[in-house]
Amino acid sequence: MKRKKEIYFGKGFKRIYFTLSAIWIICFGFVYSDMVGDYLSGPAPIMALFGLLLVLAPIPLYFILLFFIKGFRK
């Protein structure tokens, strides 16, 4: 049987990142859904958009990190 000489860190990184992103989106999603009614009816509805961007921040961050990681591979 052939042994691996190199450990593949990409799979572990992806699992950890997806788990932390899911926790982030769920936690901030609950906070956002609780506060969105106040923001939309109040004087600053742009804060509702900022809150939505904060909740969904891990999604574009994944693709940015993936771009950098793929750039450093041989």
Protein backbone atom coordinates (compact mmCIF):
# COMPACT_ATOMS: atom_id res chain seq x y z
CA MET A 1 0.00 0.00 0.00
CA LYS A 2 1.30 3.43 -0.94
CA ARG A 3 1.79 5.87 1.93
CA LYS A 4 1.05 9.54 1.65
CA LYS A 5 4.13 11.70 1.99
CA GLU A 6 2.21 14.93 2.35
CA ILE A 7 -0.71 15.73 4.61
CA TYR A 8 -3.65 17.36 2.84
CA PHE A 9 -4.73 20.33 4.97
CA GLY A 10 -7.38 21.62 2.57
CA LYS A 11 -10.07 19.18 3.65
CA GLY A 12 -9.64 19.94 7.35
CA PHE A 13 -9.57 23.67 6.72
CA LYS A 14 -12.75 23.46 4.67
CA ARG A 15 -14.60 21.50 7.37
CA ILE A 16 -13.54 23.88 10.13
CA TYR A 17 -14.38 26.94 8.02
CA PHE A 18 -17.84 25.65 7.07
CA THR A 19 -18.61 24.77 10.68
CA LEU A 20 -17.53 28.18 11.99
CA SER A 21 -19.37 29.93 9.14
CA ALA A 22 -22.57 28.05 9.94
CA ILE A 23 -22.30 29.03 13.60
CA TRP A 24 -21.61 32.66 12.57
CA ILE A 25 -24.59 32.81 10.18
CA ILE A 26 -26.98 31.16 12.65
CA CYS A 27 -25.97 33.33 15.62
CA PHE A 28 -25.90 36.62 13.75
CA GLY A 29 -29.01 35.59 11.81
CA PHE A 30 -31.00 35.30 15.03
CA VAL A 31 -29.73 38.67 16.23
CA TYR A 32 -30.42 40.23 12.82
CA SER A 33 -33.94 38.82 12.57
CA ASP A 34 -34.70 40.18 16.03
CA MET A 35 -33.46 43.67 15.22
CA VAL A 36 -34.46 44.05 11.54
CA GLY A 37 -37.98 45.28 12.36
CA ASP A 38 -36.59 48.12 14.45
CA TYR A 39 -34.14 49.12 11.72
CA LEU A 40 -36.67 49.10 8.90
CA SER A 41 -39.22 51.19 10.78
CA GLY A 42 -36.65 53.52 12.35
CA PRO A 43 -34.65 56.42 10.97
CA ALA A 44 -31.79 54.29 9.57
CA PRO A 45 -32.99 51.57 7.18
CA ILE A 46 -29.46 51.34 5.72
CA MET A 47 -28.48 49.59 8.95
CA ALA A 48 -30.70 46.66 7.90
CA LEU A 49 -28.55 46.25 4.78
CA PHE A 50 -25.36 46.47 6.83
CA GLY A 51 -26.70 43.79 9.18
CA LEU A 52 -27.47 41.51 6.26
CA LEU A 53 -23.94 41.98 4.90
CA LEU A 54 -22.55 41.16 8.35
CA VAL A 55 -24.58 37.96 8.53
CA LEU A 56 -23.49 36.79 5.07
CA ALA A 57 -19.84 37.89 5.39
CA PRO A 58 -18.35 34.35 5.55
CA ILE A 59 -19.56 33.48 2.03
CA PRO A 60 -17.40 35.94 0.02
CA LEU A 61 -14.60 35.53 2.56
CA TYR A 62 -14.42 31.82 1.67
CA PHE A 63 -13.88 32.57 -2.00
CA ILE A 64 -11.24 35.20 -1.23
CA LEU A 65 -9.32 32.79 1.00
CA LEU A 66 -9.69 30.02 -1.59
CA PHE A 67 -8.20 32.34 -4.24
CA PHE A 68 -5.15 32.99 -2.06
CA ILE A 69 -4.72 29.35 -1.05
CA LYS A 70 -4.85 28.14 -4.65
CA GLY A 71 -2.34 30.80 -5.63
CA PHE A 72 0.27 29.43 -3.22
CA ARG A 73 0.03 25.81 -4.36
CA LYS A 74 2.78 24.36 -6.50
